[in-house]
Each structure stands twice: as structure tokens, then as C-alpha cells.
């Protein structure tokens, strides 16, 4: 059996790009570790109510970041689609090779 195309994977609900994204950027890893250390440092000096509030702030920031990432992904996907449509316009100056059997 041949491998399913991306379109078929999407149709059958098998395509989940957000689950496969594992950043390998050392700067991102450093920043994430720094956030964790700072939160732990603050927790040592806060009372339980303030600690809970700090955790709520961090969770909300992660949720906010996740929403921004999803919006950026969607925007980039739409932009890519618009570029492909632009290429397919009859008045496009881009040469598209014809499929040969």
C-alpha cells in the first residue's frame, strides 16, 4: 500500500502538526528554563495565595502564546495558499512546468 498524501491524512483526521512540532532552538530552551527558574525563585518568597496567582499568570501567558502560535500558523498557511493561487492565475509571469506522462 502506498503512503497517504497529506490531503488524505488531513481528511481522515490523521494530520496534527502541532503535536509534531518540537523546537530544537537552544535560545528557546534557555528562555524556557529561565522562566521555570524565575517562577521557582518567586514561589519561595510568596505566600500560598500569591503563589497560586503567579501560577495562574504563567498558565495564562502560556495559553496566550499558544493562541498566537495557532493564529500565526493559520495566517502563514493562508498566505501560502494565496501565493499558490497567484501562481495559477493566467496572467502570472511565473512559468509552471507541464506534467508529462
N, C-alpha and C. Protein backbone atom coordinates (compact mmCIF):
# COMPACT_ATOMS: atom_id res chain seq x y z
N UNK A 1 0.85 -1.19 0.00
CA UNK A 1 0.00 0.00 0.00
C UNK A 1 0.88 1.24 0.00
N UNK A 2 0.49 2.22 -0.76
CA UNK A 2 1.28 3.45 -0.83
C UNK A 2 0.96 4.36 0.35
N UNK A 3 1.89 5.24 0.63
CA UNK A 3 1.72 6.18 1.73
C UNK A 3 0.62 7.19 1.39
N UNK A 4 -0.19 7.55 2.38
CA UNK A 4 -1.27 8.51 2.16
C UNK A 4 -0.69 9.90 1.91
N UNK A 5 -1.34 10.63 1.03
CA UNK A 5 -0.94 12.01 0.79
C UNK A 5 -1.31 12.85 2.00
N UNK A 6 -0.74 14.01 2.09
CA UNK A 6 -1.05 14.93 3.18
C UNK A 6 -2.53 15.29 3.17
N UNK A 7 -3.08 15.45 1.98
CA UNK A 7 -4.50 15.80 1.87
C UNK A 7 -5.37 14.69 2.45
N UNK A 8 -5.03 13.44 2.14
CA UNK A 8 -5.79 12.31 2.68
C UNK A 8 -5.60 12.20 4.20
N UNK A 9 -4.39 12.44 4.67
CA UNK A 9 -4.15 12.41 6.12
C UNK A 9 -4.99 13.48 6.81
N UNK A 10 -5.08 14.65 6.21
CA UNK A 10 -5.90 15.72 6.77
C UNK A 10 -7.37 15.32 6.76
N UNK A 11 -7.84 14.77 5.65
CA UNK A 11 -9.23 14.34 5.53
C UNK A 11 -9.60 13.33 6.60
N UNK A 12 -8.72 12.35 6.84
CA UNK A 12 -9.01 11.29 7.81
C UNK A 12 -8.65 11.67 9.24
N UNK A 13 -8.29 12.93 9.46
CA UNK A 13 -8.00 13.40 10.82
C UNK A 13 -6.70 12.87 11.38
N UNK A 14 -5.78 12.53 10.50
CA UNK A 14 -4.51 11.96 10.93
C UNK A 14 -3.38 12.98 10.96
N UNK A 15 -3.64 14.19 10.56
CA UNK A 15 -2.60 15.21 10.47
C UNK A 15 -2.75 16.17 11.65
N UNK A 16 -1.76 16.19 12.50
CA UNK A 16 -1.77 17.04 13.70
C UNK A 16 -0.42 17.76 13.81
N UNK A 17 -0.20 18.82 13.04
CA UNK A 17 1.13 19.45 13.01
C UNK A 17 1.57 20.00 14.36
N UNK A 18 0.63 20.41 15.19
CA UNK A 18 1.01 20.97 16.48
C UNK A 18 1.61 19.91 17.41
N UNK A 19 1.29 18.66 17.19
CA UNK A 19 1.83 17.59 18.02
C UNK A 19 3.23 17.19 17.59
N UNK A 20 3.58 17.46 16.37
CA UNK A 20 4.89 17.06 15.86
C UNK A 20 5.94 18.15 16.03
N UNK A 21 5.52 19.32 16.38
CA UNK A 21 6.45 20.45 16.49
C UNK A 21 7.25 20.34 17.78
N UNK A 22 8.52 20.06 17.63
CA UNK A 22 9.41 20.00 18.78
C UNK A 22 10.56 20.96 18.49
N UNK A 23 10.51 22.15 19.09
CA UNK A 23 11.55 23.13 18.78
C UNK A 23 12.92 22.63 19.24
N UNK A 24 13.92 22.90 18.44
CA UNK A 24 15.26 22.47 18.76
C UNK A 24 16.18 23.69 18.89
N UNK A 25 15.60 24.83 19.16
CA UNK A 25 16.35 26.07 19.27
C UNK A 25 16.90 26.21 20.69
N UNK A 26 18.22 26.34 20.80
CA UNK A 26 18.82 26.43 22.13
C UNK A 26 18.41 27.71 22.85
N UNK A 27 18.19 28.80 22.11
CA UNK A 27 17.74 30.05 22.74
C UNK A 27 16.35 29.88 23.35
N UNK A 28 15.49 29.15 22.64
CA UNK A 28 14.14 28.89 23.15
C UNK A 28 14.21 28.04 24.41
N UNK A 29 15.06 27.03 24.38
CA UNK A 29 15.23 26.16 25.55
C UNK A 29 15.77 26.95 26.75
N UNK A 30 16.74 27.82 26.49
CA UNK A 30 17.30 28.65 27.56
C UNK A 30 16.24 29.57 28.15
N UNK A 31 15.43 30.18 27.29
CA UNK A 31 14.37 31.08 27.77
C UNK A 31 13.35 30.31 28.60
N UNK A 32 12.98 29.13 28.14
CA UNK A 32 12.01 28.32 28.87
C UNK A 32 12.56 27.92 30.24
N UNK A 33 13.82 27.51 30.27
CA UNK A 33 14.45 27.16 31.55
C UNK A 33 14.52 28.36 32.48
N UNK A 34 14.81 29.52 31.91
CA UNK A 34 14.89 30.75 32.72
C UNK A 34 13.53 31.07 33.34
N UNK A 35 12.47 30.93 32.57
CA UNK A 35 11.12 31.18 33.10
C UNK A 35 10.86 30.24 34.26
N UNK A 36 11.17 28.96 34.08
CA UNK A 36 10.95 27.98 35.14
C UNK A 36 11.72 28.32 36.41
N UNK A 37 12.97 28.71 36.25
CA UNK A 37 13.80 29.07 37.42
C UNK A 37 13.26 30.31 38.12
N UNK A 38 12.87 31.30 37.34
CA UNK A 38 12.33 32.53 37.94
C UNK A 38 11.05 32.26 38.71
N UNK A 39 10.18 31.44 38.14
CA UNK A 39 8.93 31.11 38.82
C UNK A 39 9.22 30.39 40.12
N UNK A 40 10.15 29.44 40.09
CA UNK A 40 10.50 28.70 41.31
C UNK A 40 11.12 29.63 42.36
N UNK A 41 11.95 30.58 41.92
CA UNK A 41 12.53 31.55 42.86
C UNK A 41 11.44 32.39 43.53
N UNK A 42 10.49 32.85 42.74
CA UNK A 42 9.41 33.67 43.29
C UNK A 42 8.53 32.86 44.25
N UNK A 43 8.30 31.60 43.91
CA UNK A 43 7.45 30.76 44.76
C UNK A 43 8.02 30.64 46.18
N UNK A 44 9.33 30.66 46.29
CA UNK A 44 9.97 30.54 47.61
C UNK A 44 9.66 31.74 48.50
N UNK A 45 9.36 32.88 47.90
CA UNK A 45 9.15 34.11 48.66
C UNK A 45 7.70 34.53 48.76
N UNK A 46 6.81 33.77 48.19
CA UNK A 46 5.40 34.16 48.17
C UNK A 46 4.57 33.31 49.12
N UNK A 47 3.50 33.91 49.59
CA UNK A 47 2.55 33.13 50.40
C UNK A 47 1.72 32.26 49.45
N UNK A 48 0.98 31.29 49.97
CA UNK A 48 0.23 30.36 49.09
C UNK A 48 -0.72 31.05 48.12
N UNK A 49 -1.39 32.11 48.56
CA UNK A 49 -2.33 32.80 47.65
C UNK A 49 -1.59 33.47 46.50
N UNK A 50 -0.46 34.11 46.81
CA UNK A 50 0.31 34.76 45.76
C UNK A 50 0.97 33.74 44.84
N UNK A 51 1.38 32.60 45.40
CA UNK A 51 1.95 31.54 44.59
C UNK A 51 0.92 31.03 43.58
N UNK A 52 -0.30 30.86 44.05
CA UNK A 52 -1.38 30.41 43.15
C UNK A 52 -1.62 31.45 42.06
N UNK A 53 -1.57 32.72 42.44
CA UNK A 53 -1.77 33.81 41.47
C UNK A 53 -0.65 33.82 40.43
N UNK A 54 0.58 33.61 40.88
CA UNK A 54 1.72 33.55 39.96
C UNK A 54 1.55 32.40 38.97
N UNK A 55 1.16 31.24 39.46
CA UNK A 55 0.94 30.09 38.58
C UNK A 55 -0.17 30.37 37.58
N UNK A 56 -1.20 31.09 38.01
CA UNK A 56 -2.29 31.47 37.12
C UNK A 56 -1.78 32.41 36.02
N UNK A 57 -0.91 33.34 36.40
CA UNK A 57 -0.34 34.27 35.41
C UNK A 57 0.48 33.50 34.38
N UNK A 58 1.33 32.59 34.85
CA UNK A 58 2.18 31.81 33.94
C UNK A 58 1.32 30.95 33.02
N UNK A 59 0.32 30.27 33.58
CA UNK A 59 -0.57 29.44 32.76
C UNK A 59 -1.29 30.28 31.70
N UNK A 60 -1.74 31.46 32.09
CA UNK A 60 -2.44 32.35 31.16
C UNK A 60 -1.50 32.82 30.05
N UNK A 61 -0.24 33.11 30.41
CA UNK A 61 0.73 33.51 29.39
C UNK A 61 1.00 32.38 28.41
N UNK A 62 1.09 31.14 28.90
CA UNK A 62 1.28 30.00 28.00
C UNK A 62 0.07 29.82 27.10
N UNK A 63 -1.12 30.02 27.62
CA UNK A 63 -2.34 29.90 26.82
C UNK A 63 -2.35 31.00 25.75
N UNK A 64 -1.99 32.21 26.14
CA UNK A 64 -1.92 33.34 25.22
C UNK A 64 -0.93 33.03 24.09
N UNK A 65 0.24 32.51 24.46
CA UNK A 65 1.27 32.17 23.49
C UNK A 65 0.77 31.10 22.53
N UNK A 66 0.06 30.12 23.04
CA UNK A 66 -0.47 29.05 22.21
C UNK A 66 -1.46 29.58 21.19
N UNK A 67 -2.30 30.50 21.62
CA UNK A 67 -3.28 31.11 20.70
C UNK A 67 -2.55 31.90 19.61
N UNK A 68 -1.52 32.65 19.99
CA UNK A 68 -0.74 33.40 19.00
C UNK A 68 -0.08 32.46 18.00
N UNK A 69 0.47 31.34 18.47
CA UNK A 69 1.10 30.38 17.58
C UNK A 69 0.10 29.80 16.59
N UNK A 70 -1.08 29.46 17.06
CA UNK A 70 -2.11 28.92 16.18
C UNK A 70 -2.52 29.96 15.14
N UNK A 71 -2.68 31.20 15.57
CA UNK A 71 -3.06 32.27 14.63
C UNK A 71 -1.95 32.50 13.60
N UNK A 72 -0.69 32.46 14.04
CA UNK A 72 0.43 32.65 13.11
C UNK A 72 0.48 31.50 12.11
N UNK A 73 0.25 30.27 12.58
CA UNK A 73 0.23 29.11 11.69
C UNK A 73 -0.86 29.28 10.64
N UNK A 74 -2.05 29.64 11.09
CA UNK A 74 -3.17 29.81 10.16
C UNK A 74 -2.88 30.92 9.15
N UNK A 75 -2.34 32.02 9.63
CA UNK A 75 -2.02 33.14 8.75
C UNK A 75 -0.98 32.73 7.70
N UNK A 76 0.05 32.02 8.14
CA UNK A 76 1.08 31.56 7.21
C UNK A 76 0.52 30.57 6.19
N UNK A 77 -0.35 29.68 6.66
CA UNK A 77 -0.97 28.71 5.77
C UNK A 77 -1.81 29.42 4.71
N UNK A 78 -2.59 30.40 5.15
CA UNK A 78 -3.43 31.15 4.20
C UNK A 78 -2.57 31.93 3.20
N UNK A 79 -1.48 32.53 3.70
CA UNK A 79 -0.59 33.27 2.81
C UNK A 79 0.01 32.34 1.76
N UNK A 80 0.43 31.14 2.18
CA UNK A 80 0.96 30.16 1.23
C UNK A 80 -0.08 29.78 0.18
N UNK A 81 -1.32 29.59 0.63
CA UNK A 81 -2.40 29.28 -0.31
C UNK A 81 -2.63 30.40 -1.30
N UNK A 82 -2.60 31.64 -0.81
CA UNK A 82 -2.80 32.79 -1.71
C UNK A 82 -1.66 32.89 -2.72
N UNK A 83 -0.45 32.58 -2.28
CA UNK A 83 0.68 32.61 -3.22
C UNK A 83 0.50 31.56 -4.30
N UNK A 84 0.02 30.36 -3.91
CA UNK A 84 -0.21 29.31 -4.91
C UNK A 84 -1.30 29.73 -5.89
N UNK A 85 -2.37 30.34 -5.38
CA UNK A 85 -3.43 30.80 -6.27
C UNK A 85 -2.91 31.87 -7.22
N UNK A 86 -2.06 32.75 -6.70
CA UNK A 86 -1.48 33.81 -7.53
C UNK A 86 -0.65 33.20 -8.67
N UNK A 87 0.08 32.14 -8.35
CA UNK A 87 0.88 31.48 -9.38
C UNK A 87 0.03 30.86 -10.47
N UNK A 88 -1.17 30.44 -10.12
CA UNK A 88 -2.03 29.76 -11.08
C UNK A 88 -2.88 30.70 -11.93
N UNK A 89 -2.80 31.99 -11.66
CA UNK A 89 -3.55 32.96 -12.45
C UNK A 89 -3.01 33.01 -13.88
N UNK A 90 -3.89 33.14 -14.85
CA UNK A 90 -3.45 33.14 -16.25
C UNK A 90 -2.45 34.25 -16.57
N UNK A 91 -2.55 35.38 -15.91
CA UNK A 91 -1.66 36.50 -16.21
C UNK A 91 -0.37 36.46 -15.39
N UNK A 92 -0.13 35.37 -14.68
CA UNK A 92 1.08 35.23 -13.88
C UNK A 92 2.29 35.11 -14.79
N UNK A 93 3.38 35.74 -14.43
CA UNK A 93 4.61 35.67 -15.22
C UNK A 93 5.47 34.46 -14.84
N UNK A 94 5.00 33.67 -13.92
CA UNK A 94 5.76 32.51 -13.48
C UNK A 94 5.51 31.35 -14.43
N UNK A 95 6.59 30.71 -14.84
CA UNK A 95 6.48 29.56 -15.75
C UNK A 95 6.25 28.32 -14.89
N UNK A 96 5.14 27.64 -15.16
CA UNK A 96 4.81 26.41 -14.43
C UNK A 96 5.04 25.25 -15.39
N UNK A 97 5.93 24.33 -14.99
CA UNK A 97 6.18 23.20 -15.90
C UNK A 97 4.94 22.32 -16.04
N UNK A 98 4.75 21.82 -17.25
CA UNK A 98 3.60 20.95 -17.51
C UNK A 98 3.98 19.53 -17.10
N UNK A 99 2.99 18.82 -16.54
CA UNK A 99 3.18 17.43 -16.18
C UNK A 99 3.36 16.59 -17.44
N UNK A 100 4.31 15.69 -17.41
CA UNK A 100 4.49 14.79 -18.55
C UNK A 100 4.19 13.37 -18.09
N UNK A 101 3.48 12.62 -18.94
CA UNK A 101 3.12 11.24 -18.56
C UNK A 101 4.31 10.32 -18.54
